[in-house]
């Protein structure tokens, strides 16, 4: 799945934010390709943990572990995330701020 083919309705029309998220994903793909796949499916496709696990042939716990590891890599304080935030419905808000 490539970012240019994804057009989530919930992504605001802020070109700077879209570019920042894309840049974060490129860096993530270089560091951890599986985590990048999970982020794309969870954030852009809006899949649940179970749906993401099924799509990638993983267990739900593995998906959760990848997201936890991602927070530890990106966040200064993973207990209070700023960049990868879980929102209502188990979806993620990804921000460059």
C-alpha atoms as a PDB file:
ATOM      1  CA  UNK A   1       0.000   0.000   0.000  1.00  0.00           C
ATOM      2  CA  UNK A   2       1.421   3.391  -0.892  1.00  0.00           C
ATOM      3  CA  UNK A   3       0.488   6.663   0.723  1.00  0.00           C
ATOM      4  CA  UNK A   4      -0.478   8.421  -2.522  1.00  0.00           C
ATOM      5  CA  UNK A   5      -3.331   5.921  -3.056  1.00  0.00           C
ATOM      6  CA  UNK A   6      -4.885   6.577   0.344  1.00  0.00           C
ATOM      7  CA  UNK A   7      -7.391   9.375   0.781  1.00  0.00           C
ATOM      8  CA  UNK A   8      -8.932   9.290   4.268  1.00  0.00           C
ATOM      9  CA  UNK A   9     -12.002  11.457   4.670  1.00  0.00           C
ATOM     10  CA  UNK A  10     -11.014  12.357   8.224  1.00  0.00           C
ATOM     11  CA  UNK A  11      -7.633  13.861   7.260  1.00  0.00           C
ATOM     12  CA  UNK A  12      -7.866  17.626   7.374  1.00  0.00           C
ATOM     13  CA  UNK A  13      -6.879  19.706   4.352  1.00  0.00           C
ATOM     14  CA  UNK A  14      -3.670  20.960   5.931  1.00  0.00           C
ATOM     15  CA  UNK A  15      -0.930  20.337   3.351  1.00  0.00           C
ATOM     16  CA  UNK A  16       1.837  20.844   5.918  1.00  0.00           C
ATOM     17  CA  UNK A  17       0.312  18.225   8.217  1.00  0.00           C
ATOM     18  CA  UNK A  18      -0.165  15.763   5.343  1.00  0.00           C
ATOM     19  CA  UNK A  19       3.472  16.195   4.307  1.00  0.00           C
ATOM     20  CA  UNK A  20       4.673  15.818   7.894  1.00  0.00           C
ATOM     21  CA  UNK A  21       2.695  12.584   8.348  1.00  0.00           C
ATOM     22  CA  UNK A  22       4.053  11.295   5.032  1.00  0.00           C
ATOM     23  CA  UNK A  23       7.606  12.133   6.133  1.00  0.00           C
ATOM     24  CA  UNK A  24       7.044  10.317   9.425  1.00  0.00           C
ATOM     25  CA  UNK A  25       5.789   7.258   7.543  1.00  0.00           C
ATOM     26  CA  UNK A  26       8.806   7.235   5.219  1.00  0.00           C
ATOM     27  CA  UNK A  27      11.109   7.314   8.245  1.00  0.00           C
ATOM     28  CA  UNK A  28       9.057   4.633   9.947  1.00  0.00           C
ATOM     29  CA  UNK A  29       9.220   2.377   6.876  1.00  0.00           C
ATOM     30  CA  UNK A  30      13.000   2.639   6.976  1.00  0.00           C
ATOM     31  CA  UNK A  31      13.129   1.789  10.677  1.00  0.00           C
ATOM     32  CA  UNK A  32      10.303  -0.765  10.965  1.00  0.00           C
ATOM     33  CA  UNK A  33       8.377  -1.742   7.849  1.00  0.00           C
ATOM     34  CA  UNK A  34       5.860  -3.912   9.722  1.00  0.00           C
ATOM     35  CA  UNK A  35       4.967  -1.043  12.072  1.00  0.00           C
ATOM     36  CA  UNK A  36       4.530   1.227   9.033  1.00  0.00           C
ATOM     37  CA  UNK A  37       2.102  -1.285   7.490  1.00  0.00           C
ATOM     38  CA  UNK A  38       0.157  -1.407  10.742  1.00  0.00           C
ATOM     39  CA  UNK A  39      -0.023   2.399  10.972  1.00  0.00           C
ATOM     40  CA  UNK A  40      -1.285   2.644   7.393  1.00  0.00           C
ATOM     41  CA  UNK A  41      -3.999   0.061   7.968  1.00  0.00           C
ATOM     42  CA  UNK A  42      -5.042   1.444  11.351  1.00  0.00           C
ATOM     43  CA  UNK A  43      -4.783   5.152  10.577  1.00  0.00           C
ATOM     44  CA  UNK A  44      -5.574   5.484   6.897  1.00  0.00           C
ATOM     45  CA  UNK A  45      -7.820   2.483   6.280  1.00  0.00           C
ATOM     46  CA  UNK A  46      -9.451   2.744   9.708  1.00  0.00           C
ATOM     47  CA  UNK A  47      -9.149  -0.976  10.424  1.00  0.00           C
ATOM     48  CA  UNK A  48      -9.566  -2.317  13.935  1.00  0.00           C
ATOM     49  CA  UNK A  49      -6.762  -4.167  15.686  1.00  0.00           C
ATOM     50  CA  UNK A  50      -8.417  -7.487  14.791  1.00  0.00           C
ATOM     51  CA  UNK A  51      -8.919  -6.488  11.137  1.00  0.00           C
ATOM     52  CA  UNK A  52      -5.312  -5.285  10.898  1.00  0.00           C
ATOM     53  CA  UNK A  53      -4.029  -8.498  12.449  1.00  0.00           C
ATOM     54  CA  UNK A  54      -6.056 -10.585  10.010  1.00  0.00           C
ATOM     55  CA  UNK A  55      -4.930  -8.533   6.993  1.00  0.00           C
ATOM     56  CA  UNK A  56      -1.263  -8.981   7.936  1.00  0.00           C
ATOM     57  CA  UNK A  57      -1.498 -12.560   9.206  1.00  0.00           C
ATOM     58  CA  UNK A  58      -0.621 -11.518  12.759  1.00  0.00           C
ATOM     59  CA  UNK A  59      -2.214 -11.867  16.154  1.00  0.00           C
ATOM     60  CA  UNK A  60      -3.998  -8.858  17.662  1.00  0.00           C
ATOM     61  CA  UNK A  61      -1.465  -8.747  20.502  1.00  0.00           C
ATOM     62  CA  UNK A  62       1.361  -8.431  17.947  1.00  0.00           C
ATOM     63  CA  UNK A  63      -0.369  -5.414  16.392  1.00  0.00           C
ATOM     64  CA  UNK A  64      -0.724  -3.806  19.834  1.00  0.00           C
ATOM     65  CA  UNK A  65       2.931  -4.540  20.610  1.00  0.00           C
ATOM     66  CA  UNK A  66       4.095  -2.895  17.368  1.00  0.00           C
ATOM     67  CA  UNK A  67       2.069   0.234  18.201  1.00  0.00           C
ATOM     68  CA  UNK A  68       3.490   0.313  21.728  1.00  0.00           C
ATOM     69  CA  UNK A  69       7.030  -0.028  20.361  1.00  0.00           C
ATOM     70  CA  UNK A  70       6.300   2.748  17.868  1.00  0.00           C
ATOM     71  CA  UNK A  71       5.236   5.060  20.684  1.00  0.00           C
ATOM     72  CA  UNK A  72       8.451   4.293  22.548  1.00  0.00           C
ATOM     73  CA  UNK A  73      10.464   5.217  19.436  1.00  0.00           C
ATOM     74  CA  UNK A  74       8.581   8.432  18.601  1.00  0.00           C
ATOM     75  CA  UNK A  75       7.334   9.848  21.859  1.00  0.00           C
ATOM     76  CA  UNK A  76       9.403  11.733  24.428  1.00  0.00           C
ATOM     77  CA  UNK A  77       6.896  10.457  27.034  1.00  0.00           C
ATOM     78  CA  UNK A  78       5.077   7.328  25.733  1.00  0.00           C
ATOM     79  CA  UNK A  79       2.656   7.428  28.680  1.00  0.00           C
ATOM     80  CA  UNK A  80       1.418  10.814  27.413  1.00  0.00           C
ATOM     81  CA  UNK A  81       1.627  10.473  23.625  1.00  0.00           C
ATOM     82  CA  UNK A  82       1.676  13.542  21.389  1.00  0.00           C
ATOM     83  CA  UNK A  83       2.338  11.997  17.987  1.00  0.00           C
ATOM     84  CA  UNK A  84       0.445   8.686  17.971  1.00  0.00           C
ATOM     85  CA  UNK A  85      -2.697   9.145  20.040  1.00  0.00           C
ATOM     86  CA  UNK A  86      -5.510   6.616  20.430  1.00  0.00           C
ATOM     87  CA  UNK A  87      -8.903   8.287  19.969  1.00  0.00           C
ATOM     88  CA  UNK A  88     -12.519   7.151  20.304  1.00  0.00           C
ATOM     89  CA  UNK A  89     -13.277   3.924  18.489  1.00  0.00           C
ATOM     90  CA  UNK A  90      -9.704   2.663  18.831  1.00  0.00           C
ATOM     91  CA  UNK A  91      -8.446   4.754  15.912  1.00  0.00           C
ATOM     92  CA  UNK A  92      -5.226   6.713  15.863  1.00  0.00           C
ATOM     93  CA  UNK A  93      -4.561  10.397  15.500  1.00  0.00           C
ATOM     94  CA  UNK A  94      -1.099  10.926  14.061  1.00  0.00           C
ATOM     95  CA  UNK A  95       0.326  14.398  14.378  1.00  0.00           C
ATOM     96  CA  UNK A  96       3.621  16.056  13.628  1.00  0.00           C
ATOM     97  CA  UNK A  97       3.131  18.557  16.487  1.00  0.00           C
END
